[in-house]
Amino acid sequence: MTDTAFGRGTCEPPFKSAGGHLMAPDTAHGYLSEGGPHLGDMPNIHVPESGALEVEVMTRVADMRAQLFDDDGAAVVIHSGADDYRSQPSGAAGPRIACGVIVEQVE
């Protein structure tokens, strides 16, 4: 996949530094959108009162080395609200409230 827009592996508040969704050209945001989802779209998460969350998520990312571990890296961004899975460009999910840089774990 050569024509793909990538985010960045930086997380400076308010987290706009992470860039946009990982996406292929001519795709829409959201699982319920015609022409969607973006490669980097993920489902909503629900954090329990304890604040401890463990989650496993499948995405459409096909080549992690090329799409996530490129020269400028990638990040996961959490929004304040639920994604409606159709509004553009980010599901009407509200402001970004958390961000984490994705790092490759080499053994």
PDB file of N, CA and C in Angstrom:
ATOM      1  N   MET A   1       0.844  -1.184   0.000  1.00  0.00           N
ATOM      2  CA  MET A   1       0.000   0.000   0.000  1.00  0.00           C
ATOM      3  C   MET A   1       0.880   1.234   0.000  1.00  0.00           C
ATOM      4  N   THR A   2       0.971   1.854  -1.108  1.00  0.00           N
ATOM      5  CA  THR A   2       1.844   3.014  -1.176  1.00  0.00           C
ATOM      6  C   THR A   2       1.105   4.326  -0.976  1.00  0.00           C
ATOM      7  N   ASP A   3      -0.138   4.418  -1.412  1.00  0.00           N
ATOM      8  CA  ASP A   3      -0.897   5.654  -1.259  1.00  0.00           C
ATOM      9  C   ASP A   3      -1.730   5.614   0.016  1.00  0.00           C
ATOM     10  N   THR A   4      -1.087   5.764   1.135  1.00  0.00           N
ATOM     11  CA  THR A   4      -1.777   5.702   2.411  1.00  0.00           C
ATOM     12  C   THR A   4      -1.385   6.901   3.246  1.00  0.00           C
ATOM     13  N   ALA A   5      -2.380   7.526   3.896  1.00  0.00           N
ATOM     14  CA  ALA A   5      -2.096   8.641   4.801  1.00  0.00           C
ATOM     15  C   ALA A   5      -1.794   8.066   6.175  1.00  0.00           C
ATOM     16  N   PHE A   6      -0.767   8.561   6.803  1.00  0.00           N
ATOM     17  CA  PHE A   6      -0.337   8.050   8.101  1.00  0.00           C
ATOM     18  C   PHE A   6      -0.426   9.129   9.162  1.00  0.00           C
ATOM     19  N   GLY A   7      -0.634   8.710  10.388  1.00  0.00           N
ATOM     20  CA  GLY A   7      -0.489   9.597  11.528  1.00  0.00           C
ATOM     21  C   GLY A   7       0.990   9.688  11.875  1.00  0.00           C
ATOM     22  N   ARG A   8       1.271  10.193  13.062  1.00  0.00           N
ATOM     23  CA  ARG A   8       2.649  10.328  13.517  1.00  0.00           C
ATOM     24  C   ARG A   8       2.788   9.785  14.936  1.00  0.00           C
ATOM     25  N   GLY A   9       3.981   9.373  15.272  1.00  0.00           N
ATOM     26  CA  GLY A   9       4.263   8.846  16.596  1.00  0.00           C
ATOM     27  C   GLY A   9       4.657   9.920  17.575  1.00  0.00           C
ATOM     28  N   THR A  10       3.807  10.936  17.738  1.00  0.00           N
ATOM     29  CA  THR A  10       4.036  11.988  18.728  1.00  0.00           C
ATOM     30  C   THR A  10       2.733  12.242  19.475  1.00  0.00           C
ATOM     31  N   CYS A  11       2.848  12.550  20.742  1.00  0.00           N
ATOM     32  CA  CYS A  11       1.665  12.746  21.587  1.00  0.00           C
ATOM     33  C   CYS A  11       1.793  13.988  22.450  1.00  0.00           C
ATOM     34  N   GLU A  12       1.841  15.138  21.831  1.00  0.00           N
ATOM     35  CA  GLU A  12       1.891  16.407  22.558  1.00  0.00           C
ATOM     36  C   GLU A  12       0.466  16.923  22.738  1.00  0.00           C
ATOM     37  N   PRO A  13       0.015  17.140  24.000  1.00  0.00           N
ATOM     38  CA  PRO A  13      -1.351  17.641  24.221  1.00  0.00           C
ATOM     39  C   PRO A  13      -1.607  18.902  23.418  1.00  0.00           C
ATOM     40  N   PRO A  14      -2.741  19.062  22.813  1.00  0.00           N
ATOM     41  CA  PRO A  14      -3.962  18.254  22.903  1.00  0.00           C
ATOM     42  C   PRO A  14      -4.004  17.086  21.909  1.00  0.00           C
ATOM     43  N   PHE A  15      -2.862  16.544  21.563  1.00  0.00           N
ATOM     44  CA  PHE A  15      -2.708  15.312  20.787  1.00  0.00           C
ATOM     45  C   PHE A  15      -3.003  15.449  19.306  1.00  0.00           C
ATOM     46  N   LYS A  16      -3.125  16.675  18.811  1.00  0.00           N
ATOM     47  CA  LYS A  16      -3.238  16.877  17.361  1.00  0.00           C
ATOM     48  C   LYS A  16      -1.921  16.511  16.689  1.00  0.00           C
ATOM     49  N   SER A  17      -0.830  16.481  17.469  1.00  0.00           N
ATOM     50  CA  SER A  17       0.486  16.140  16.935  1.00  0.00           C
ATOM     51  C   SER A  17       0.515  14.727  16.364  1.00  0.00           C
ATOM     52  N   ALA A  18      -0.414  13.874  16.786  1.00  0.00           N
ATOM     53  CA  ALA A  18      -0.464  12.498  16.289  1.00  0.00           C
ATOM     54  C   ALA A  18      -1.003  12.418  14.866  1.00  0.00           C
ATOM     55  N   GLY A  19      -1.562  13.497  14.365  1.00  0.00           N
ATOM     56  CA  GLY A  19      -2.083  13.497  13.006  1.00  0.00           C
ATOM     57  C   GLY A  19      -3.439  12.820  12.914  1.00  0.00           C
ATOM     58  N   GLY A  20      -3.808  12.450  11.700  1.00  0.00           N
ATOM     59  CA  GLY A  20      -5.118  11.867  11.444  1.00  0.00           C
ATOM     60  C   GLY A  20      -5.114  10.358  11.454  1.00  0.00           C
ATOM     61  N   HIS A  21      -6.264   9.801  11.111  1.00  0.00           N
ATOM     62  CA  HIS A  21      -6.426   8.355  11.025  1.00  0.00           C
ATOM     63  C   HIS A  21      -5.511   7.749   9.965  1.00  0.00           C
ATOM     64  N   LEU A  22      -5.065   6.556  10.233  1.00  0.00           N
ATOM     65  CA  LEU A  22      -4.395   5.768   9.208  1.00  0.00           C
ATOM     66  C   LEU A  22      -5.479   5.382   8.212  1.00  0.00           C
ATOM     67  N   MET A  23      -5.300   5.779   6.945  1.00  0.00           N
ATOM     68  CA  MET A  23      -6.360   5.521   5.976  1.00  0.00           C
ATOM     69  C   MET A  23      -5.811   5.405   4.568  1.00  0.00           C
ATOM     70  N   ALA A  24      -6.500   4.615   3.766  1.00  0.00           N
ATOM     71  CA  ALA A  24      -6.191   4.519   2.345  1.00  0.00           C
ATOM     72  C   ALA A  24      -6.979   5.614   1.629  1.00  0.00           C
ATOM     73  N   PRO A  25      -6.536   6.023   0.441  1.00  0.00           N
ATOM     74  CA  PRO A  25      -7.261   7.051  -0.296  1.00  0.00           C
ATOM     75  C   PRO A  25      -8.705   6.636  -0.568  1.00  0.00           C
ATOM     76  N   ASP A  26      -9.553   7.628  -0.641  1.00  0.00           N
ATOM     77  CA  ASP A  26     -10.963   7.417  -0.991  1.00  0.00           C
ATOM     78  C   ASP A  26     -11.706   6.497  -0.029  1.00  0.00           C
ATOM     79  N   THR A  27     -11.332   6.517   1.240  1.00  0.00           N
ATOM     80  CA  THR A  27     -12.086   5.768   2.244  1.00  0.00           C
ATOM     81  C   THR A  27     -12.700   6.748   3.226  1.00  0.00           C
ATOM     82  N   ALA A  28     -13.782   6.310   3.850  1.00  0.00           N
ATOM     83  CA  ALA A  28     -14.490   7.141   4.819  1.00  0.00           C
ATOM     84  C   ALA A  28     -14.252   6.598   6.224  1.00  0.00           C
ATOM     85  N   HIS A  29     -14.439   7.464   7.214  1.00  0.00           N
ATOM     86  CA  HIS A  29     -14.341   7.036   8.601  1.00  0.00           C
ATOM     87  C   HIS A  29     -15.587   6.252   8.984  1.00  0.00           C
ATOM     88  N   GLY A  30     -15.391   5.206   9.753  1.00  0.00           N
ATOM     89  CA  GLY A  30     -16.507   4.528  10.403  1.00  0.00           C
ATOM     90  C   GLY A  30     -16.935   3.217   9.787  1.00  0.00           C
ATOM     91  N   TYR A  31     -17.225   2.284  10.679  1.00  0.00           N
ATOM     92  CA  TYR A  31     -17.678   0.950  10.281  1.00  0.00           C
ATOM     93  C   TYR A  31     -19.039   0.993   9.587  1.00  0.00           C
ATOM     94  N   LEU A  32     -19.854   2.001   9.870  1.00  0.00           N
ATOM     95  CA  LEU A  32     -21.192   2.081   9.298  1.00  0.00           C
ATOM     96  C   LEU A  32     -21.268   3.014   8.101  1.00  0.00           C
ATOM     97  N   SER A  33     -20.140   3.542   7.662  1.00  0.00           N
ATOM     98  CA  SER A  33     -20.117   4.465   6.521  1.00  0.00           C
ATOM     99  C   SER A  33     -19.924   3.710   5.227  1.00  0.00           C
ATOM    100  N   GLU A  34     -20.640   4.162   4.200  1.00  0.00           N
ATOM    101  CA  GLU A  34     -20.372   3.630   2.869  1.00  0.00           C
ATOM    102  C   GLU A  34     -18.957   4.077   2.519  1.00  0.00           C
ATOM    103  N   GLY A  35     -18.132   3.155   2.072  1.00  0.00           N
ATOM    104  CA  GLY A  35     -16.746   3.490   1.758  1.00  0.00           C
ATOM    105  C   GLY A  35     -15.832   3.429   2.965  1.00  0.00           C
ATOM    106  N   GLY A  36     -16.323   2.964   4.096  1.00  0.00           N
ATOM    107  CA  GLY A  36     -15.502   2.857   5.297  1.00  0.00           C
ATOM    108  C   GLY A  36     -15.222   1.407   5.613  1.00  0.00           C
ATOM    109  N   PRO A  37     -14.475   1.158   6.638  1.00  0.00           N
ATOM    110  CA  PRO A  37     -13.814   2.091   7.544  1.00  0.00           C
ATOM    111  C   PRO A  37     -12.399   2.432   7.087  1.00  0.00           C
ATOM    112  N   HIS A  38     -11.793   3.417   7.770  1.00  0.00           N
ATOM    113  CA  HIS A  38     -10.369   3.694   7.579  1.00  0.00           C
ATOM    114  C   HIS A  38      -9.578   2.487   8.082  1.00  0.00           C
ATOM    115  N   LEU A  39      -8.346   2.367   7.634  1.00  0.00           N
ATOM    116  CA  LEU A  39      -7.479   1.279   8.103  1.00  0.00           C
ATOM    117  C   LEU A  39      -7.291   1.337   9.617  1.00  0.00           C
ATOM    118  N   GLY A  40      -7.197   2.537  10.159  1.00  0.00           N
ATOM    119  CA  GLY A  40      -6.925   2.705  11.582  1.00  0.00           C
ATOM    120  C   GLY A  40      -8.150   2.844  12.458  1.00  0.00           C
ATOM    121  N   ASP A  41      -9.358   2.742  11.904  1.00  0.00           N
ATOM    122  CA  ASP A  41     -10.557   2.827  12.742  1.00  0.00           C
ATOM    123  C   ASP A  41     -10.604   1.650  13.706  1.00  0.00           C
ATOM    124  N   MET A  42     -10.971   1.942  14.940  1.00  0.00           N
ATOM    125  CA  MET A  42     -11.096   0.906  15.961  1.00  0.00           C
ATOM    126  C   MET A  42     -12.449   1.059  16.641  1.00  0.00           C
ATOM    127  N   PRO A  43     -12.945  -0.003  17.283  1.00  0.00           N
ATOM    128  CA  PRO A  43     -14.236   0.094  17.964  1.00  0.00           C
ATOM    129  C   PRO A  43     -14.130   0.926  19.240  1.00  0.00           C
ATOM    130  N   ASN A  44     -15.282   1.346  19.748  1.00  0.00           N
ATOM    131  CA  ASN A  44     -15.325   2.050  21.034  1.00  0.00           C
ATOM    132  C   ASN A  44     -14.807   1.138  22.133  1.00  0.00           C
ATOM    133  N   ILE A  45     -14.190   1.753  23.131  1.00  0.00           N
ATOM    134  CA  ILE A  45     -13.763   1.006  24.315  1.00  0.00           C
ATOM    135  C   ILE A  45     -14.587   1.500  25.498  1.00  0.00           C
ATOM    136  N   HIS A  46     -14.772   0.653  26.468  1.00  0.00           N
ATOM    137  CA  HIS A  46     -15.553   0.997  27.654  1.00  0.00           C
ATOM    138  C   HIS A  46     -14.676   0.714  28.873  1.00  0.00           C
ATOM    139  N   VAL A  47     -14.264   1.781  29.538  1.00  0.00           N
ATOM    140  CA  VAL A  47     -13.354   1.660  30.673  1.00  0.00           C
ATOM    141  C   VAL A  47     -14.172   1.446  31.940  1.00  0.00           C
ATOM    142  N   PRO A  48     -13.880   0.383  32.706  1.00  0.00           N
ATOM    143  CA  PRO A  48     -14.617   0.138  33.944  1.00  0.00           C
ATOM    144  C   PRO A  48     -14.276   1.169  35.016  1.00  0.00           C
ATOM    145  N   GLU A  49     -15.082   1.230  36.052  1.00  0.00           N
ATOM    146  CA  GLU A  49     -14.849   2.200  37.134  1.00  0.00           C
ATOM    147  C   GLU A  49     -13.461   2.081  37.737  1.00  0.00           C
ATOM    148  N   SER A  50     -12.888   0.885  37.732  1.00  0.00           N
ATOM    149  CA  SER A  50     -11.549   0.692  38.292  1.00  0.00           C
ATOM    150  C   SER A  50     -10.493   1.446  37.493  1.00  0.00           C
ATOM    151  N   GLY A  51     -10.814   1.773  36.237  1.00  0.00           N
ATOM    152  CA  GLY A  51      -9.866   2.464  35.378  1.00  0.00           C
ATOM    153  C   GLY A  51      -8.892   1.535  34.686  1.00  0.00           C
ATOM    154  N   ALA A  52      -8.927   0.252  35.035  1.00  0.00           N
ATOM    155  CA  ALA A  52      -8.027  -0.722  34.420  1.00  0.00           C
ATOM    156  C   ALA A  52      -8.700  -1.332  33.192  1.00  0.00           C
ATOM    157  N   LEU A  53      -8.056  -1.221  32.073  1.00  0.00           N
ATOM    158  CA  LEU A  53      -8.618  -1.721  30.824  1.00  0.00           C
ATOM    159  C   LEU A  53      -7.586  -2.564  30.108  1.00  0.00           C
ATOM    160  N   GLU A  54      -7.995  -3.727  29.680  1.00  0.00           N
ATOM    161  CA  GLU A  54      -7.170  -4.553  28.813  1.00  0.00           C
ATOM    162  C   GLU A  54      -8.025  -4.867  27.601  1.00  0.00           C
ATOM    163  N   VAL A  55      -7.488  -4.591  26.421  1.00  0.00           N
ATOM    164  CA  VAL A  55      -8.294  -4.739  25.212  1.00  0.00           C
ATOM    165  C   VAL A  55      -7.441  -5.288  24.080  1.00  0.00           C
ATOM    166  N   GLU A  56      -8.066  -6.083  23.244  1.00  0.00           N
ATOM    167  CA  GLU A  56      -7.428  -6.569  22.028  1.00  0.00           C
ATOM    168  C   GLU A  56      -8.311  -6.124  20.872  1.00  0.00           C
ATOM    169  N   VAL A  57      -7.717  -5.479  19.876  1.00  0.00           N
ATOM    170  CA  VAL A  57      -8.488  -4.881  18.791  1.00  0.00           C
ATOM    171  C   VAL A  57      -7.940  -5.341  17.449  1.00  0.00           C
ATOM    172  N   MET A  58      -8.839  -5.717  16.565  1.00  0.00           N
ATOM    173  CA  MET A  58      -8.441  -6.027  15.194  1.00  0.00           C
ATOM    174  C   MET A  58      -8.680  -4.789  14.339  1.00  0.00           C
ATOM    175  N   THR A  59      -7.719  -4.491  13.464  1.00  0.00           N
ATOM    176  CA  THR A  59      -7.872  -3.387  12.521  1.00  0.00           C
ATOM    177  C   THR A  59      -7.617  -3.928  11.118  1.00  0.00           C
ATOM    178  N   ARG A  60      -7.683  -3.043  10.162  1.00  0.00           N
ATOM    179  CA  ARG A  60      -7.414  -3.414   8.773  1.00  0.00           C
ATOM    180  C   ARG A  60      -5.964  -3.132   8.398  1.00  0.00           C
ATOM    181  N   VAL A  61      -5.122  -2.840   9.366  1.00  0.00           N
ATOM    182  CA  VAL A  61      -3.705  -2.616   9.102  1.00  0.00           C
ATOM    183  C   VAL A  61      -3.122  -3.925   8.572  1.00  0.00           C
ATOM    184  N   ALA A  62      -2.532  -3.869   7.391  1.00  0.00           N
ATOM    185  CA  ALA A  62      -2.028  -5.076   6.750  1.00  0.00           C
ATOM    186  C   ALA A  62      -0.506  -5.211   6.851  1.00  0.00           C
ATOM    187  N   ASP A  63       0.199  -4.111   6.887  1.00  0.00           N
ATOM    188  CA  ASP A  63       1.656  -4.135   6.895  1.00  0.00           C
ATOM    189  C   ASP A  63       2.148  -3.196   7.987  1.00  0.00           C
ATOM    190  N   MET A  64       2.281  -3.734   9.198  1.00  0.00           N
ATOM    191  CA  MET A  64       2.640  -2.893  10.340  1.00  0.00           C
ATOM    192  C   MET A  64       3.962  -2.179  10.143  1.00  0.00           C
ATOM    193  N   ARG A  65       4.938  -2.850   9.568  1.00  0.00           N
ATOM    194  CA  ARG A  65       6.244  -2.215   9.388  1.00  0.00           C
ATOM    195  C   ARG A  65       6.117  -0.981   8.493  1.00  0.00           C
ATOM    196  N   ALA A  66       5.401  -1.081   7.397  1.00  0.00           N
ATOM    197  CA  ALA A  66       5.264   0.049   6.476  1.00  0.00           C
ATOM    198  C   ALA A  66       4.250   1.078   6.968  1.00  0.00           C
ATOM    199  N   GLN A  67       3.186   0.641   7.624  1.00  0.00           N
ATOM    200  CA  GLN A  67       2.098   1.545   7.977  1.00  0.00           C
ATOM    201  C   GLN A  67       2.234   2.160   9.374  1.00  0.00           C
ATOM    202  N   LEU A  68       2.883   1.479  10.294  1.00  0.00           N
ATOM    203  CA  LEU A  68       3.004   1.999  11.659  1.00  0.00           C
ATOM    204  C   LEU A  68       4.439   2.331  12.051  1.00  0.00           C
ATOM    205  N   PHE A  69       5.387   1.521  11.637  1.00  0.00           N
ATOM    206  CA  PHE A  69       6.761   1.684  12.082  1.00  0.00           C
ATOM    207  C   PHE A  69       7.629   2.348  11.016  1.00  0.00           C
ATOM    208  N   ASP A  70       7.064   3.330  10.326  1.00  0.00           N
ATOM    209  CA  ASP A  70       7.820   4.089   9.339  1.00  0.00           C
ATOM    210  C   ASP A  70       8.650   5.150  10.065  1.00  0.00           C
ATOM    211  N   ASP A  71       9.253   6.053   9.332  1.00  0.00           N
ATOM    212  CA  ASP A  71      10.171   7.041   9.922  1.00  0.00           C
ATOM    213  C   ASP A  71       9.538   7.954  10.961  1.00  0.00           C
ATOM    214  N   ASP A  72       8.252   8.297  10.806  1.00  0.00           N
ATOM    215  CA  ASP A  72       7.636   9.204  11.787  1.00  0.00           C
ATOM    216  C   ASP A  72       6.730   8.489  12.784  1.00  0.00           C
ATOM    217  N   GLY A  73       6.656   7.165  12.730  1.00  0.00           N
ATOM    218  CA  GLY A  73       5.926   6.393  13.732  1.00  0.00           C
ATOM    219  C   GLY A  73       4.417   6.523  13.649  1.00  0.00           C
ATOM    220  N   ALA A  74       3.758   6.079  14.707  1.00  0.00           N
ATOM    221  CA  ALA A  74       2.294   6.103  14.784  1.00  0.00           C
ATOM    222  C   ALA A  74       1.882   6.146  16.249  1.00  0.00           C
ATOM    223  N   ALA A  75       0.627   6.503  16.471  1.00  0.00           N
ATOM    224  CA  ALA A  75       0.096   6.598  17.830  1.00  0.00           C
ATOM    225  C   ALA A  75      -1.354   6.133  17.856  1.00  0.00           C
ATOM    226  N   VAL A  76      -1.815   5.772  19.038  1.00  0.00           N
ATOM    227  CA  VAL A  76      -3.228   5.477  19.281  1.00  0.00           C
ATOM    228  C   VAL A  76      -3.792   6.670  20.032  1.00  0.00           C
ATOM    229  N   VAL A  77      -4.945   7.171  19.576  1.00  0.00           N
ATOM    230  CA  VAL A  77      -5.572   8.336  20.197  1.00  0.00           C
ATOM    231  C   VAL A  77      -6.935   7.941  20.757  1.00  0.00           C
ATOM    232  N   ILE A  78      -7.227   8.395  21.978  1.00  0.00           N
ATOM    233  CA  ILE A  78      -8.516   8.147  22.625  1.00  0.00           C
ATOM    234  C   ILE A  78      -9.289   9.469  22.653  1.00  0.00           C
ATOM    235  N   HIS A  79     -10.550   9.409  22.238  1.00  0.00           N
ATOM    236  CA  HIS A  79     -11.430  10.583  22.256  1.00  0.00           C
ATOM    237  C   HIS A  79     -12.326  10.530  23.501  1.00  0.00           C
ATOM    238  N   SER A  80     -12.906  11.655  23.870  1.00  0.00           N
ATOM    239  CA  SER A  80     -13.708  11.747  25.094  1.00  0.00           C
ATOM    240  C   SER A  80     -15.058  11.048  25.010  1.00  0.00           C
ATOM    241  N   GLY A  81     -15.589  10.900  23.827  1.00  0.00           N
ATOM    242  CA  GLY A  81     -16.920  10.313  23.679  1.00  0.00           C
ATOM    243  C   GLY A  81     -16.914   9.095  22.785  1.00  0.00           C
ATOM    244  N   ALA A  82     -18.103   8.552  22.597  1.00  0.00           N
ATOM    245  CA  ALA A  82     -18.266   7.375  21.753  1.00  0.00           C
ATOM    246  C   ALA A  82     -18.233   7.758  20.277  1.00  0.00           C
ATOM    247  N   ASP A  83     -17.630   6.927  19.477  1.00  0.00           N
ATOM    248  CA  ASP A  83     -17.620   7.072  18.025  1.00  0.00           C
ATOM    249  C   ASP A  83     -18.976   6.592  17.510  1.00  0.00           C
ATOM    250  N   ASP A  84     -19.613   7.384  16.667  1.00  0.00           N
ATOM    251  CA  ASP A  84     -20.902   6.963  16.099  1.00  0.00           C
ATOM    252  C   ASP A  84     -20.722   6.096  14.859  1.00  0.00           C
ATOM    253  N   TYR A  85     -19.482   5.850  14.482  1.00  0.00           N
ATOM    254  CA  TYR A  85     -19.101   4.975  13.366  1.00  0.00           C
ATOM    255  C   TYR A  85     -19.529   5.474  11.997  1.00  0.00           C
ATOM    256  N   ARG A  86     -19.924   6.749  11.885  1.00  0.00           N
ATOM    257  CA  ARG A  86     -20.283   7.245  10.548  1.00  0.00           C
ATOM    258  C   ARG A  86     -19.931   8.712  10.310  1.00  0.00           C
ATOM    259  N   SER A  87     -19.943   9.568  11.312  1.00  0.00           N
ATOM    260  CA  SER A  87     -19.652  10.997  11.093  1.00  0.00           C
ATOM    261  C   SER A  87     -18.199  11.186  10.667  1.00  0.00           C
ATOM    262  N   GLN A  88     -17.994  12.166   9.779  1.00  0.00           N
ATOM    263  CA  GLN A  88     -16.664  12.456   9.254  1.00  0.00           C
ATOM    264  C   GLN A  88     -16.090  13.682   9.964  1.00  0.00           C
ATOM    265  N   PRO A  89     -14.822  13.729  10.293  1.00  0.00           N
ATOM    266  CA  PRO A  89     -13.799  12.745   9.963  1.00  0.00           C
ATOM    267  C   PRO A  89     -13.489  11.766  11.088  1.00  0.00           C
ATOM    268  N   SER A  90     -14.100  11.920  12.283  1.00  0.00           N
ATOM    269  CA  SER A  90     -13.694  11.052  13.404  1.00  0.00           C
ATOM    270  C   SER A  90     -14.856  10.587  14.263  1.00  0.00           C
ATOM    271  N   GLY A  91     -16.019  10.398  13.682  1.00  0.00           N
ATOM    272  CA  GLY A  91     -17.125   9.782  14.400  1.00  0.00           C
ATOM    273  C   GLY A  91     -17.817  10.632  15.433  1.00  0.00           C
ATOM    274  N   ALA A  92     -17.652  11.962  15.391  1.00  0.00           N
ATOM    275  CA  ALA A  92     -18.275  12.854  16.379  1.00  0.00           C
ATOM    276  C   ALA A  92     -17.950  12.407  17.797  1.00  0.00           C
ATOM    277  N   ALA A  93     -16.722  11.942  18.002  1.00  0.00           N
ATOM    278  CA  ALA A  93     -16.313  11.360  19.279  1.00  0.00           C
ATOM    279  C   ALA A  93     -15.776  12.375  20.276  1.00  0.00           C
ATOM    280  N   GLY A  94     -15.771  13.640  19.927  1.00  0.00           N
ATOM    281  CA  GLY A  94     -15.308  14.648  20.871  1.00  0.00           C
ATOM    282  C   GLY A  94     -13.808  14.849  20.826  1.00  0.00           C
ATOM    283  N   PRO A  95     -13.314  15.680  21.755  1.00  0.00           N
ATOM    284  CA  PRO A  95     -11.890  16.006  21.754  1.00  0.00           C
ATOM    285  C   PRO A  95     -11.014  14.801  22.105  1.00  0.00           C
ATOM    286  N   ARG A  96      -9.774  14.905  21.705  1.00  0.00           N
ATOM    287  CA  ARG A  96      -8.777  13.885  22.044  1.00  0.00           C
ATOM    288  C   ARG A  96      -8.383  14.073  23.506  1.00  0.00           C
ATOM    289  N   ILE A  97      -8.408  12.992  24.272  1.00  0.00           N
ATOM    290  CA  ILE A  97      -8.087  13.106  25.697  1.00  0.00           C
ATOM    291  C   ILE A  97      -6.882  12.269  26.125  1.00  0.00           C
ATOM    292  N   ALA A  98      -6.434  11.350  25.279  1.00  0.00           N
ATOM    293  CA  ALA A  98      -5.285  10.522  25.616  1.00  0.00           C
ATOM    294  C   ALA A  98      -4.614  10.072  24.327  1.00  0.00           C
ATOM    295  N   CYS A  99      -3.336   9.763  24.438  1.00  0.00           N
ATOM    296  CA  CYS A  99      -2.558   9.375  23.266  1.00  0.00           C
ATOM    297  C   CYS A  99      -1.392   8.504  23.721  1.00  0.00           C
ATOM    298  N   GLY A 100      -1.081   7.504  22.931  1.00  0.00           N
ATOM    299  CA  GLY A 100       0.067   6.651  23.231  1.00  0.00           C
ATOM    300  C   GLY A 100       0.818   6.317  21.965  1.00  0.00           C
ATOM    301  N   VAL A 101       2.120   6.485  21.991  1.00  0.00           N
ATOM    302  CA  VAL A 101       2.959   6.170  20.836  1.00  0.00           C
ATOM    303  C   VAL A 101       3.067   4.649  20.718  1.00  0.00           C
ATOM    304  N   ILE A 102       2.929   4.151  19.502  1.00  0.00           N
ATOM    305  CA  ILE A 102       3.067   2.721  19.221  1.00  0.00           C
ATOM    306  C   ILE A 102       4.529   2.440  18.971  1.00  0.00           C
ATOM    307  N   VAL A 103       5.095   1.488  19.694  1.00  0.00           N
ATOM    308  CA  VAL A 103       6.493   1.138  19.518  1.00  0.00           C
ATOM    309  C   VAL A 103       6.603  -0.336  19.138  1.00  0.00           C
ATOM    310  N   GLU A 104       7.591  -0.615  18.327  1.00  0.00           N
ATOM    311  CA  GLU A 104       7.838  -1.983  17.916  1.00  0.00           C
ATOM    312  C   GLU A 104       8.651  -2.678  18.993  1.00  0.00           C
ATOM    313  N   GLN A 105       8.174  -3.809  19.431  1.00  0.00           N
ATOM    314  CA  GLN A 105       8.885  -4.576  20.449  1.00  0.00           C
ATOM    315  C   GLN A 105       9.747  -5.609  19.745  1.00  0.00           C
ATOM    316  N   VAL A 106      11.049  -5.454  19.850  1.00  0.00           N
ATOM    317  CA  VAL A 106      11.988  -6.349  19.199  1.00  0.00           C
ATOM    318  C   VAL A 106      12.606  -7.233  20.262  1.00  0.00           C
ATOM    319  N   GLU A 107      12.541  -8.514  20.015  1.00  0.00           N
ATOM    320  CA  GLU A 107      13.101  -9.463  21.011  1.00  0.00           C
ATOM    321  C   GLU A 107      14.466  -9.927  20.608  1.00  0.00           C
TER     322      GLU A 107
END
